[in-house]
């Protein structure tokens, strides 16, 4: 198997040069294509080359060939977890961390752990291993990507219950597409190499039909192409142009199918390799004291899903939804506005000039693409098999320009880092960070601008992070500061205590730099490995050192291209 050996050699070279946990994913379109088999084959190859490799968890599902490949590799004992009186087994994460091998083989990345486990999902277990410097090789099927939920339901007629955020796959250092023709997969199924005999007939007549498998196979190939393109263009181009190119999805507290809307926007942003934002405009009629608790829960769930899919979520207050949306779009260089189907407007209201939000946007937006997705709830019936359609970018992408890596360490120094050991109020946080970021003569103006931005809609989010920001005239370079609050910000209206507050002030004349800094800060502070290092820091110097060490050890697309095979 020369191709498998080449892939193993590439991963071996990455292990030997890297100072952090490498992450490799064997991606397939259905059970039985050979993901676990190839992962175990690579484990044996790595062991032969002197690498300390162990099995964190492998599911054989009764397959004799797979069970045979486990022999000769060290297996870390599973952890027993009692749930509703039944003993369940999960991966022994703590045992793996104590053993600390060079490489851990972990099957079924999207698996949901038993309640009471260290983490809710297996991918979070894997992130803990990576943060500890352990290299991980894992497996997953394409239908487990959160953004593909609606597409998979249409293509294969199934509701996938175990899902993971798309950015988990995007963070992989290597992705290998494990491919097999649908006919060959069906033959393996008939031979009893996928499921036990009693399940073969049902599987062949339901999920494992050729049309379903072909649709899933196509999705996998398209996802691989998207991942390759994402890495090819991962470094943003700073060519001085201000062409709007970001994605924005408009949320409603009573939207009938917000999940579909968010997944579409996530896929669109991935295809165009752009940042994307989910924006909810809270009108006076939708104040928290006015809307009922059920609507509040629905809105909270929608925002949580948006964050899991990789969006930056903003809440604005305003009486005019369209004006507020367009103000946001201009500030954040939005090129595509995505929104759901509008509610019908009664004839008598149209007579007096009432127009829907999409109609006003199409009339008032300039230079933007308006995407209206059909989010009306459908009557129950067999799901149609349709192809996912994503509008092409309005302008052909430019080739990546040669430029130095865009890192937070380029803007942040020790003087711009503040730690609070006890709870601190929001106003104190903003004042202290502005003083840390700005020279004396600019502090009052900057603080007023930041407070004005906060009055439009809080940037203190429910993931434990906050991104207060403003644009100032006359600035020649960005000014940033980072606050770590060990006791949270009690007067911020969030459920999860705010741990990190990242303040950014950018030149008014260069709106692109603000978008890039906010996106970079959001991606950086979401990293599990860095978060653990920052929590352990006791002073500003340690925080700065942890940030610089993490950025220097994380290979940039220019310094260390990713090896992706398909």
Protein backbone atom coordinates (compact mmCIF):
# COMPACT_ATOMS: atom_id res chain seq x y z
CA UNK A 1 0.00 0.00 0.00
CA UNK A 2 2.41 2.72 -1.21
CA UNK A 3 -0.20 5.51 -0.98
CA UNK A 4 -1.02 4.68 2.66
CA UNK A 5 2.71 4.59 3.44
CA UNK A 6 3.21 8.00 1.84
CA UNK A 7 0.38 9.43 3.96
CA UNK A 8 1.80 7.89 7.13
CA UNK A 9 5.27 9.26 6.27
CA UNK A 10 3.82 12.77 5.82
CA UNK A 11 2.11 12.62 9.22
CA UNK A 12 5.31 11.21 10.74
CA UNK A 13 7.31 14.19 9.46
CA UNK A 14 4.73 16.58 10.92
CA UNK A 15 4.95 14.89 14.33
CA UNK A 16 8.72 15.15 14.45
CA UNK A 17 8.82 18.85 13.64
CA UNK A 18 5.79 20.05 15.61
CA UNK A 19 5.70 21.25 19.20
CA UNK A 20 1.94 20.96 19.54
CA UNK A 21 -0.59 18.20 19.11
CA UNK A 22 -1.09 17.38 15.43
CA UNK A 23 -4.63 16.59 14.30
CA UNK A 24 -5.44 14.22 11.45
CA UNK A 25 -8.93 13.17 10.32
CA UNK A 26 -9.95 10.21 8.18
CA UNK A 27 -13.17 11.47 6.58
CA UNK A 28 -15.77 9.24 4.90
CA UNK A 29 -19.32 9.38 3.67
CA UNK A 30 -20.78 6.32 5.42
CA UNK A 31 -20.03 3.51 7.84
CA UNK A 32 -17.98 0.74 6.27
CA UNK A 33 -15.85 2.70 3.79
CA UNK A 34 -12.69 1.86 5.77
CA UNK A 35 -11.87 4.88 7.96
CA UNK A 36 -11.09 2.93 11.14
CA UNK A 37 -9.19 0.28 9.17
CA UNK A 38 -6.93 2.91 7.57
CA UNK A 39 -6.43 4.67 10.92
CA UNK A 40 -5.27 1.42 12.53
CA UNK A 41 -3.03 0.62 9.55
CA UNK A 42 -1.35 3.99 10.03
CA UNK A 43 -1.02 3.29 13.77
CA UNK A 44 0.98 0.14 13.00
CA UNK A 45 3.16 2.03 10.50
CA UNK A 46 3.91 4.74 13.06
CA UNK A 47 4.77 2.13 15.68
CA UNK A 48 7.20 0.46 13.26
CA UNK A 49 8.89 3.85 12.83
CA UNK A 50 9.47 4.16 16.58
CA UNK A 51 6.53 6.43 17.43
CA UNK A 52 4.81 5.90 20.79
CA UNK A 53 1.25 5.27 19.58
CA UNK A 54 -1.73 3.98 21.58
CA UNK A 55 -5.41 3.33 20.97
CA UNK A 56 -7.51 5.84 22.90
CA UNK A 57 -10.74 4.29 21.65
CA UNK A 58 -11.68 2.17 18.63
CA UNK A 59 -15.14 0.81 17.86
CA UNK A 60 -14.97 -2.48 15.94
CA UNK A 61 -18.77 -2.91 15.60
CA UNK A 62 -18.15 -6.64 15.41
CA UNK A 63 -15.92 -6.41 12.32
CA UNK A 64 -13.31 -9.16 12.50
CA UNK A 65 -10.82 -7.40 10.20
CA UNK A 66 -10.91 -4.28 12.36
CA UNK A 67 -10.57 -6.25 15.61
CA UNK A 68 -7.57 -8.07 14.16
CA UNK A 69 -5.78 -4.77 13.49
CA UNK A 70 -6.04 -3.76 17.16
CA UNK A 71 -3.65 -6.57 18.07
CA UNK A 72 -0.12 -5.33 18.59
CA UNK A 73 -1.14 -1.81 19.62
CA UNK A 74 -1.43 -0.65 23.22
CA UNK A 75 -5.03 0.00 24.24
CA UNK A 76 -5.80 2.54 26.97
CA UNK A 77 -8.53 1.11 29.28
CA UNK A 78 -11.93 2.68 28.89
CA UNK A 79 -13.64 4.54 31.72
CA UNK A 80 -16.86 3.09 33.13
CA UNK A 81 -19.67 5.60 33.72
CA UNK A 82 -22.92 4.68 35.47
CA UNK A 83 -25.96 6.17 33.73
CA UNK A 84 -29.52 5.40 34.87
CA UNK A 85 -28.30 2.26 36.58
CA UNK A 86 -26.44 0.96 33.52
CA UNK A 87 -22.64 0.84 33.27
CA UNK A 88 -21.50 2.62 30.07
CA UNK A 89 -17.97 2.85 28.71
CA UNK A 90 -16.27 5.95 27.37
CA UNK A 91 -12.72 6.87 26.36
CA UNK A 92 -10.35 7.13 29.33
CA UNK A 93 -9.28 10.73 28.74
CA UNK A 94 -7.62 11.16 32.14
CA UNK A 95 -5.71 7.91 31.68
CA UNK A 96 -4.56 9.07 28.25
CA UNK A 97 -3.38 12.39 29.66
CA UNK A 98 -1.42 10.60 32.37
CA UNK A 99 0.07 8.12 29.86
CA UNK A 100 0.80 10.98 27.39
CA UNK A 101 1.77 9.01 24.27
CA UNK A 102 3.03 10.73 21.16
CA UNK A 103 -0.03 9.64 19.15
CA UNK A 104 -3.54 8.56 20.18
CA UNK A 105 -5.97 6.83 17.81
CA UNK A 106 -9.53 7.94 18.56
CA UNK A 107 -12.53 6.64 16.62
CA UNK A 108 -15.89 8.39 15.93
CA UNK A 109 -15.09 12.03 16.58
CA UNK A 110 -18.75 13.18 16.66
CA UNK A 111 -19.75 10.73 19.44
CA UNK A 112 -21.81 12.11 22.35
CA UNK A 113 -20.44 11.07 25.74
CA UNK A 114 -22.53 9.70 28.59
CA UNK A 115 -23.86 12.48 30.87
CA UNK A 116 -21.43 13.08 33.71
CA UNK A 117 -18.34 12.56 31.55
CA UNK A 118 -15.41 14.96 31.52
CA UNK A 119 -16.80 16.56 28.32
CA UNK A 120 -20.15 16.38 26.57
CA UNK A 121 -18.66 15.39 23.20
CA UNK A 122 -15.72 13.28 22.09
CA UNK A 123 -14.31 16.05 19.93
CA UNK A 124 -13.87 18.05 23.16
CA UNK A 125 -11.95 15.10 24.62
CA UNK A 126 -9.74 15.21 21.55
CA UNK A 127 -9.19 18.95 21.98
CA UNK A 128 -7.98 18.26 25.53
CA UNK A 129 -5.50 15.71 24.18
CA UNK A 130 -4.25 18.16 21.53
CA UNK A 131 -3.88 20.89 24.15
CA UNK A 132 -1.66 18.51 26.14
CA UNK A 133 0.63 18.04 23.14
CA UNK A 134 -0.69 14.60 22.16
CA UNK A 135 -1.08 14.03 18.42
CA UNK A 136 -4.47 12.60 17.47
CA UNK A 137 -5.64 10.58 14.48
CA UNK A 138 -9.41 10.24 14.32
CA UNK A 139 -12.35 9.30 12.09
CA UNK A 140 -15.70 10.84 11.19
CA UNK A 141 -18.40 10.87 8.49
CA UNK A 142 -19.27 14.02 6.56
CA UNK A 143 -22.93 13.93 7.64
CA UNK A 144 -21.90 14.75 11.21
CA UNK A 145 -20.93 18.33 10.27
CA UNK A 146 -23.42 20.71 11.86
CA UNK A 147 -23.84 22.91 8.78
CA UNK A 148 -24.81 19.90 6.64
CA UNK A 149 -27.75 18.81 8.80
CA UNK A 150 -30.47 20.12 6.47
CA UNK A 151 -28.60 19.07 3.33
CA UNK A 152 -28.12 15.51 4.58
CA UNK A 153 -31.78 15.28 5.56
CA UNK A 154 -32.75 16.20 2.00
CA UNK A 155 -30.09 14.05 0.34
CA UNK A 156 -30.41 10.88 2.42
CA UNK A 157 -33.70 11.26 4.27
CA UNK A 158 -32.13 10.93 7.74
CA UNK A 159 -31.86 13.20 10.76
CA UNK A 160 -28.29 13.03 12.09
CA UNK A 161 -28.38 13.29 15.88
CA UNK A 162 -24.65 13.38 16.64
CA UNK A 163 -23.09 16.50 15.15
CA UNK A 164 -20.02 18.65 15.68
CA UNK A 165 -19.14 22.26 14.73
CA UNK A 166 -17.55 22.72 11.31
CA UNK A 167 -14.55 24.51 12.79
CA UNK A 168 -13.45 21.25 14.46
CA UNK A 169 -12.76 19.77 11.03
CA UNK A 170 -11.32 23.07 9.79
CA UNK A 171 -8.68 22.92 12.54
CA UNK A 172 -7.33 19.56 11.30
CA UNK A 173 -3.73 19.55 10.09
CA UNK A 174 -4.49 16.74 7.64
CA UNK A 175 -7.73 15.41 6.18
CA UNK A 176 -7.80 12.12 4.29
CA UNK A 177 -10.85 11.23 2.21
CA UNK A 178 -11.55 7.50 2.58
CA UNK A 179 -13.49 6.75 -0.58
CA UNK A 180 -15.30 3.70 -1.92
CA UNK A 181 -17.88 3.40 -4.70
CA UNK A 182 -21.47 2.93 -3.48
CA UNK A 183 -21.62 -0.43 -5.28
CA UNK A 184 -18.48 -1.68 -3.52
CA UNK A 185 -19.82 -0.45 -0.17
CA UNK A 186 -23.09 -2.31 -0.75
CA UNK A 187 -21.10 -5.47 -1.55
CA UNK A 188 -19.15 -5.12 1.70
CA UNK A 189 -22.47 -4.73 3.49
CA UNK A 190 -23.87 -7.93 1.90
CA UNK A 191 -20.70 -9.81 2.92
CA UNK A 192 -21.32 -8.90 6.56
CA UNK A 193 -18.28 -6.59 6.82
CA UNK A 194 -20.27 -3.56 7.97
CA UNK A 195 -23.28 -4.67 10.04
CA UNK A 196 -24.46 -7.97 11.60
CA UNK A 197 -26.55 -10.24 9.36
CA UNK A 198 -29.90 -9.24 10.89
CA UNK A 199 -29.34 -5.56 9.99
CA UNK A 200 -28.16 -6.00 6.39
CA UNK A 201 -31.57 -6.10 4.69
CA UNK A 202 -32.90 -3.03 6.48
CA UNK A 203 -29.70 -1.08 5.81
CA UNK A 204 -29.74 -1.90 2.07
CA UNK A 205 -33.36 -0.83 1.65
CA UNK A 206 -33.05 2.40 3.66
CA UNK A 207 -29.83 4.35 4.23
CA UNK A 208 -27.51 2.29 2.00
CA UNK A 209 -29.34 2.82 -1.30
CA UNK A 210 -27.18 3.92 -4.23
CA UNK A 211 -28.85 7.37 -4.60
CA UNK A 212 -28.35 8.14 -0.90
CA UNK A 213 -24.75 7.00 -0.94
CA UNK A 214 -23.98 8.91 -4.12
CA UNK A 215 -25.37 12.10 -2.60
CA UNK A 216 -23.31 11.65 0.57
CA UNK A 217 -20.23 10.79 -1.46
CA UNK A 218 -20.67 13.98 -3.47
CA UNK A 219 -21.01 16.00 -0.25
CA UNK A 220 -17.76 14.51 1.02
CA UNK A 221 -15.87 15.36 -2.15
CA UNK A 222 -17.25 18.89 -2.09
CA UNK A 223 -16.30 19.28 1.56
CA UNK A 224 -12.76 18.15 0.74
CA UNK A 225 -12.58 20.68 -2.08
CA UNK A 226 -13.84 23.41 0.26
CA UNK A 227 -11.26 22.49 2.92
CA UNK A 228 -8.44 22.53 0.37
CA UNK A 229 -9.58 25.92 -0.93
CA UNK A 230 -9.90 27.25 2.62
CA UNK A 231 -6.29 26.36 3.39
CA UNK A 232 -5.07 27.67 0.05
CA UNK A 233 -6.57 31.09 0.74
CA UNK A 234 -6.39 31.04 4.55
CA UNK A 235 -4.12 34.07 4.83
CA UNK A 236 -6.28 37.16 4.22
CA UNK A 237 -5.29 39.43 1.36
CA UNK A 238 -4.54 43.00 2.39
CA UNK A 239 -4.35 44.76 -0.95
CA UNK A 240 -5.85 48.05 0.14
CA UNK A 241 -9.24 47.41 -1.45
CA UNK A 242 -12.45 47.77 0.50
CA UNK A 243 -14.66 45.43 -1.54
CA UNK A 244 -17.43 44.14 0.74
CA UNK A 245 -17.01 40.40 1.10
CA UNK A 246 -18.18 39.27 4.56
CA UNK A 247 -21.37 37.26 5.19
CA UNK A 248 -24.20 38.40 7.45
CA UNK A 249 -27.32 36.48 8.46
CA UNK A 250 -30.27 38.33 9.98
CA UNK A 251 -31.91 36.58 12.93
CA UNK A 252 -35.47 36.90 14.12
CA UNK A 253 -36.86 36.02 17.53
CA UNK A 254 -39.78 34.28 15.84
CA UNK A 255 -38.12 32.88 12.74
CA UNK A 256 -39.79 29.55 11.80
CA UNK A 257 -36.61 27.79 10.64
CA UNK A 258 -33.60 29.67 11.98
CA UNK A 259 -31.47 26.51 12.06
CA UNK A 260 -31.76 26.10 8.29
CA UNK A 261 -30.89 29.75 7.79
CA UNK A 262 -27.76 29.52 9.94
CA UNK A 263 -26.52 26.32 8.32
CA UNK A 264 -26.91 27.84 4.89
CA UNK A 265 -24.98 30.96 5.93
CA UNK A 266 -22.25 28.79 7.45
CA UNK A 267 -21.87 26.81 4.22
CA UNK A 268 -21.88 30.02 2.16
CA UNK A 269 -19.16 31.56 4.33
CA UNK A 270 -17.12 28.36 4.02
CA UNK A 271 -17.47 28.27 0.24
CA UNK A 272 -16.46 31.92 -0.12
CA UNK A 273 -13.81 31.66 2.63
CA UNK A 274 -15.22 34.67 4.48
CA UNK A 275 -16.01 35.70 8.04
CA UNK A 276 -19.68 35.65 8.89
CA UNK A 277 -21.90 37.35 11.41
CA UNK A 278 -25.30 36.57 12.91
CA UNK A 279 -27.14 39.76 13.83
CA UNK A 280 -30.33 40.12 15.85
CA UNK A 281 -31.99 43.53 15.98
CA UNK A 282 -34.01 43.94 19.16
CA UNK A 283 -36.88 46.35 18.58
CA UNK A 284 -38.83 47.95 21.48
CA UNK A 285 -41.54 45.32 20.89
CA UNK A 286 -39.01 42.57 21.58
CA UNK A 287 -37.43 43.80 24.79
CA UNK A 288 -36.67 40.98 27.24
CA UNK A 289 -39.42 42.28 29.52
CA UNK A 290 -41.97 42.07 26.68
CA UNK A 291 -41.45 38.76 24.86
CA UNK A 292 -42.50 35.52 26.53
CA UNK A 293 -40.11 32.96 28.01
CA UNK A 294 -40.61 30.47 25.15
CA UNK A 295 -39.52 33.06 22.58
CA UNK A 296 -36.53 33.97 24.73
CA UNK A 297 -35.47 30.30 24.87
CA UNK A 298 -35.85 29.94 21.11
CA UNK A 299 -33.76 33.06 20.51
CA UNK A 300 -31.09 31.88 22.97
CA UNK A 301 -30.93 28.48 21.25
CA UNK A 302 -30.61 30.13 17.83
CA UNK A 303 -27.72 32.30 19.00
CA UNK A 304 -25.99 29.31 20.59
CA UNK A 305 -26.20 27.38 17.31
CA UNK A 306 -24.84 30.39 15.42
CA UNK A 307 -21.80 30.47 17.69
CA UNK A 308 -21.27 26.71 17.33
CA UNK A 309 -21.28 27.13 13.55
CA UNK A 310 -18.54 29.75 13.78
CA UNK A 311 -20.45 33.03 13.55
CA UNK A 312 -19.72 36.16 15.52
CA UNK A 313 -23.08 37.01 17.08
CA UNK A 314 -24.22 40.58 17.64
CA UNK A 315 -27.35 42.01 19.27
CA UNK A 316 -28.33 45.55 18.32
CA UNK A 317 -31.14 47.72 19.62
CA UNK A 318 -33.08 49.75 17.08
CA UNK A 319 -36.56 50.73 15.98
CA UNK A 320 -35.76 50.45 12.26
CA UNK A 321 -34.50 46.94 11.52
CA UNK A 322 -33.40 47.68 7.95
CA UNK A 323 -31.47 50.82 8.89
CA UNK A 324 -29.74 48.96 11.72
CA UNK A 325 -28.86 46.01 9.47
CA UNK A 326 -27.40 48.29 6.80
CA UNK A 327 -25.40 50.27 9.37
CA UNK A 328 -23.87 47.00 10.58
CA UNK A 329 -23.27 45.83 7.00
CA UNK A 330 -21.34 48.99 6.12
CA UNK A 331 -19.29 48.88 9.34
CA UNK A 332 -18.27 45.24 8.86
CA UNK A 333 -17.82 45.25 5.08
CA UNK A 334 -20.67 42.83 4.45
CA UNK A 335 -21.12 41.69 0.86
CA UNK A 336 -23.86 39.08 1.34
CA UNK A 337 -26.94 39.53 3.54
CA UNK A 338 -28.83 36.28 4.19
CA UNK A 339 -32.34 36.28 5.63
CA UNK A 340 -35.37 34.05 5.77
CA UNK A 341 -38.78 34.22 4.13
CA UNK A 342 -40.76 37.29 5.24
CA UNK A 343 -44.22 37.00 6.71
CA UNK A 344 -46.96 37.98 4.22
CA UNK A 345 -48.05 41.62 4.41
CA UNK A 346 -51.83 42.16 4.34
CA UNK A 347 -53.16 43.84 1.22
CA UNK A 348 -54.44 46.89 3.13
CA UNK A 349 -50.98 47.53 4.60
CA UNK A 350 -49.43 47.42 1.12
CA UNK A 351 -51.95 50.02 0.00
CA UNK A 352 -50.57 52.43 2.60
CA UNK A 353 -47.00 51.72 1.51
CA UNK A 354 -45.82 49.01 3.94
CA UNK A 355 -42.98 46.88 2.54
CA UNK A 356 -41.28 43.76 3.85
CA UNK A 357 -37.74 43.81 5.21
CA UNK A 358 -36.30 41.96 2.14
CA UNK A 359 -38.02 44.43 -0.19
CA UNK A 360 -36.53 47.40 1.65
CA UNK A 361 -33.08 45.79 1.74
CA UNK A 362 -33.14 45.13 -1.99
CA UNK A 363 -34.06 48.77 -2.56
CA UNK A 364 -31.75 50.43 -0.03
CA UNK A 365 -28.66 48.18 -0.04
CA UNK A 366 -25.97 49.25 -2.48
CA UNK A 367 -23.33 46.86 -3.81
CA UNK A 368 -24.57 43.94 -1.68
CA UNK A 369 -26.03 40.56 -2.57
CA UNK A 370 -29.33 39.81 -0.81
CA UNK A 371 -30.03 36.08 -0.35
CA UNK A 372 -33.59 35.16 0.71
CA UNK A 373 -33.82 31.55 1.84
CA UNK A 374 -37.14 29.73 1.91
CA UNK A 375 -37.50 29.05 5.64
CA UNK A 376 -41.23 28.37 5.59
CA UNK A 377 -42.09 25.17 7.44
CA UNK A 378 -42.96 22.42 4.98
CA UNK A 379 -45.85 20.01 5.26
CA UNK A 380 -44.72 16.50 6.35
CA UNK A 381 -43.83 14.26 3.42
CA UNK A 382 -40.92 12.44 1.80
CA UNK A 383 -37.87 14.74 1.68
CA UNK A 384 -36.92 15.71 -1.89
CA UNK A 385 -33.44 14.87 -3.10
CA UNK A 386 -31.98 18.19 -4.17
CA UNK A 387 -28.52 19.56 -4.66
CA UNK A 388 -27.22 22.18 -2.31
CA UNK A 389 -26.90 25.44 -4.19
CA UNK A 390 -24.46 28.13 -3.15
CA UNK A 391 -24.25 31.36 -5.15
CA UNK A 392 -20.80 31.92 -6.66
CA UNK A 393 -18.67 34.81 -5.43
CA UNK A 394 -19.37 38.06 -7.24
CA UNK A 395 -15.68 38.59 -7.94
CA UNK A 396 -13.11 35.94 -8.77
CA UNK A 397 -10.77 35.46 -5.76
CA UNK A 398 -7.35 37.01 -6.03
CA UNK A 399 -4.30 34.84 -5.46
CA UNK A 400 -2.93 35.15 -1.91
CA UNK A 401 -0.47 38.00 -1.55
CA UNK A 402 2.87 37.52 0.13
CA UNK A 403 2.62 39.16 3.53
CA UNK A 404 3.79 38.42 7.08
CA UNK A 405 1.48 36.39 9.33
CA UNK A 406 -1.36 38.43 10.86
CA UNK A 407 -0.98 37.75 14.60
CA UNK A 408 -2.29 39.28 17.82
CA UNK A 409 1.29 39.41 19.06
CA UNK A 410 1.92 42.06 16.39
CA UNK A 411 -0.43 44.46 18.21
CA UNK A 412 -0.49 43.37 21.86
CA UNK A 413 2.27 43.86 24.44
CA UNK A 414 2.50 43.27 28.19
CA UNK A 415 1.33 46.82 29.01
CA UNK A 416 -1.91 46.10 27.16
CA UNK A 417 -2.79 43.07 29.31
CA UNK A 418 -4.85 43.45 32.50
CA UNK A 419 -5.81 40.74 35.02
CA UNK A 420 -8.58 40.99 37.61
CA UNK A 421 -8.62 38.40 40.39
CA UNK A 422 -12.12 39.33 41.58
CA UNK A 423 -15.43 40.25 39.89
CA UNK A 424 -15.24 43.61 38.14
CA UNK A 425 -17.98 45.83 36.67
CA UNK A 426 -18.26 46.48 32.95
CA UNK A 427 -17.49 50.20 33.12
CA UNK A 428 -14.27 49.60 35.06
CA UNK A 429 -13.19 46.98 32.52
CA UNK A 430 -13.71 49.33 29.58
CA UNK A 431 -11.99 52.29 31.27
CA UNK A 432 -8.96 50.23 32.31
CA UNK A 433 -8.51 48.58 28.91
CA UNK A 434 -8.82 51.90 27.07
CA UNK A 435 -6.13 53.40 29.34
CA UNK A 436 -3.91 50.38 28.65
CA UNK A 437 -4.34 50.61 24.89
CA UNK A 438 -4.29 54.39 24.28
CA UNK A 439 -1.90 57.28 24.80
CA UNK A 440 -3.15 59.93 27.27
CA UNK A 441 -4.49 62.38 24.71
CA UNK A 442 -6.70 59.81 23.02
CA UNK A 443 -8.26 58.05 26.02
CA UNK A 444 -11.38 60.20 26.47
CA UNK A 445 -12.30 60.09 22.78
CA UNK A 446 -11.69 56.33 22.61
CA UNK A 447 -13.75 55.60 25.73
CA UNK A 448 -16.69 57.65 24.39
CA UNK A 449 -16.52 55.77 21.06
CA UNK A 450 -16.45 52.38 22.79
CA UNK A 451 -19.38 53.30 25.05
CA UNK A 452 -21.34 54.54 22.03
CA UNK A 453 -20.75 51.21 20.29
CA UNK A 454 -21.87 49.31 23.40
CA UNK A 455 -25.06 51.38 23.52
CA UNK A 456 -25.96 50.08 20.04
CA UNK A 457 -25.65 46.47 21.19
CA UNK A 458 -23.52 44.70 23.77
CA UNK A 459 -20.33 42.98 22.62
CA UNK A 460 -20.24 40.94 25.84
CA UNK A 461 -21.31 37.50 24.57
CA UNK A 462 -22.53 34.34 26.25
CA UNK A 463 -19.38 32.26 25.56
CA UNK A 464 -17.31 33.94 28.24
CA UNK A 465 -15.77 36.46 25.83
CA UNK A 466 -16.29 40.13 24.96
CA UNK A 467 -15.04 42.16 21.98
CA UNK A 468 -15.62 45.88 22.67
CA UNK A 469 -14.39 47.92 19.73
CA UNK A 470 -14.57 51.24 17.90
CA UNK A 471 -13.07 53.04 14.92
CA UNK A 472 -11.32 56.37 15.47
CA UNK A 473 -10.31 59.07 13.03
CA UNK A 474 -6.59 59.81 12.81
CA UNK A 475 -5.31 56.45 14.04
CA UNK A 476 -2.40 55.16 11.98
CA UNK A 477 -2.40 51.64 13.44
CA UNK A 478 -4.71 49.44 15.54
CA UNK A 479 -4.62 49.72 19.34
CA UNK A 480 -5.59 46.64 21.35
CA UNK A 481 -5.78 45.46 24.96
CA UNK A 482 -6.71 42.16 26.60
CA UNK A 483 -8.42 41.73 29.96
CA UNK A 484 -8.69 38.46 31.91
CA UNK A 485 -11.42 38.45 34.54
CA UNK A 486 -11.13 35.59 37.02
CA UNK A 487 -14.44 36.47 38.68
CA UNK A 488 -16.41 37.57 35.64
CA UNK A 489 -18.29 40.81 34.90
CA UNK A 490 -21.46 40.60 37.05
CA UNK A 491 -23.32 43.49 35.36
CA UNK A 492 -22.92 42.02 31.86
CA UNK A 493 -26.23 40.39 30.88
CA UNK A 494 -24.83 36.94 30.06
CA UNK A 495 -25.36 33.47 31.49
CA UNK A 496 -21.71 32.33 31.33
CA UNK A 497 -19.21 34.54 33.23
CA UNK A 498 -17.01 36.65 30.96
CA UNK A 499 -13.40 35.43 31.11
CA UNK A 500 -11.74 37.40 28.31
CA UNK A 501 -12.33 40.97 27.15
CA UNK A 502 -10.51 41.92 23.95
CA UNK A 503 -10.59 45.66 23.20
CA UNK A 504 -9.70 46.84 19.69
CA UNK A 505 -9.52 50.38 18.33
CA UNK A 506 -8.88 50.68 14.60
CA UNK A 507 -8.41 53.51 12.07
CA UNK A 508 -11.68 54.99 10.81
CA UNK A 509 -10.19 55.21 7.32
CA UNK A 510 -9.43 51.47 7.17
CA UNK A 511 -12.56 49.44 8.10
CA UNK A 512 -11.00 46.22 6.81
CA UNK A 513 -8.44 46.09 9.60
CA UNK A 514 -11.19 46.10 12.26
CA UNK A 515 -12.90 43.11 10.65
CA UNK A 516 -9.62 41.19 10.47
CA UNK A 517 -8.65 41.91 14.08
CA UNK A 518 -12.07 40.92 15.45
CA UNK A 519 -12.09 37.69 13.42
CA UNK A 520 -8.53 36.87 14.50
CA UNK A 521 -9.31 37.54 18.18
CA UNK A 522 -12.47 35.38 18.02
CA UNK A 523 -10.60 32.44 16.46
CA UNK A 524 -7.67 32.79 18.85
CA UNK A 525 -9.68 32.95 22.08
CA UNK A 526 -11.78 29.94 21.01
CA UNK A 527 -8.67 27.75 20.95
CA UNK A 528 -8.83 25.22 23.78
CA UNK A 529 -5.06 24.87 24.16
CA UNK A 530 -4.50 28.62 24.46
CA UNK A 531 -7.45 29.05 26.85
CA UNK A 532 -5.96 26.53 29.26
CA UNK A 533 -2.60 28.33 29.15
CA UNK A 534 -4.23 31.72 29.77
CA UNK A 535 -6.23 30.40 32.73
CA UNK A 536 -2.98 29.19 34.31
CA UNK A 537 -1.23 32.58 33.87
CA UNK A 538 -0.84 34.63 37.04
CA UNK A 539 0.46 37.92 35.60
CA UNK A 540 0.55 39.92 32.36
CA UNK A 541 4.02 38.67 31.40
CA UNK A 542 2.85 35.05 31.56
CA UNK A 543 -0.25 35.85 29.50
CA UNK A 544 1.86 37.57 26.82
CA UNK A 545 4.35 34.71 26.79
CA UNK A 546 1.57 32.12 26.47
CA UNK A 547 0.00 34.00 23.57
CA UNK A 548 3.30 34.45 21.73
CA UNK A 549 4.35 30.84 22.31
CA UNK A 550 1.02 29.56 21.02
CA UNK A 551 1.12 31.76 17.90
CA UNK A 552 4.73 30.84 17.15
CA UNK A 553 4.05 27.11 17.55
CA UNK A 554 0.90 27.21 15.39
CA UNK A 555 2.03 26.73 11.79
CA UNK A 556 0.81 29.44 9.44
CA UNK A 557 -0.27 28.53 5.92
CA UNK A 558 2.93 30.07 4.53
CA UNK A 559 5.37 28.60 7.00
CA UNK A 560 4.00 25.06 7.08
CA UNK A 561 1.51 24.11 4.35
CA UNK A 562 -1.04 21.52 5.39
CA UNK A 563 -0.90 18.10 3.80
CA UNK A 564 -4.40 17.17 2.66
CA UNK A 565 -4.99 13.95 0.76
CA UNK A 566 -8.05 12.81 -1.12
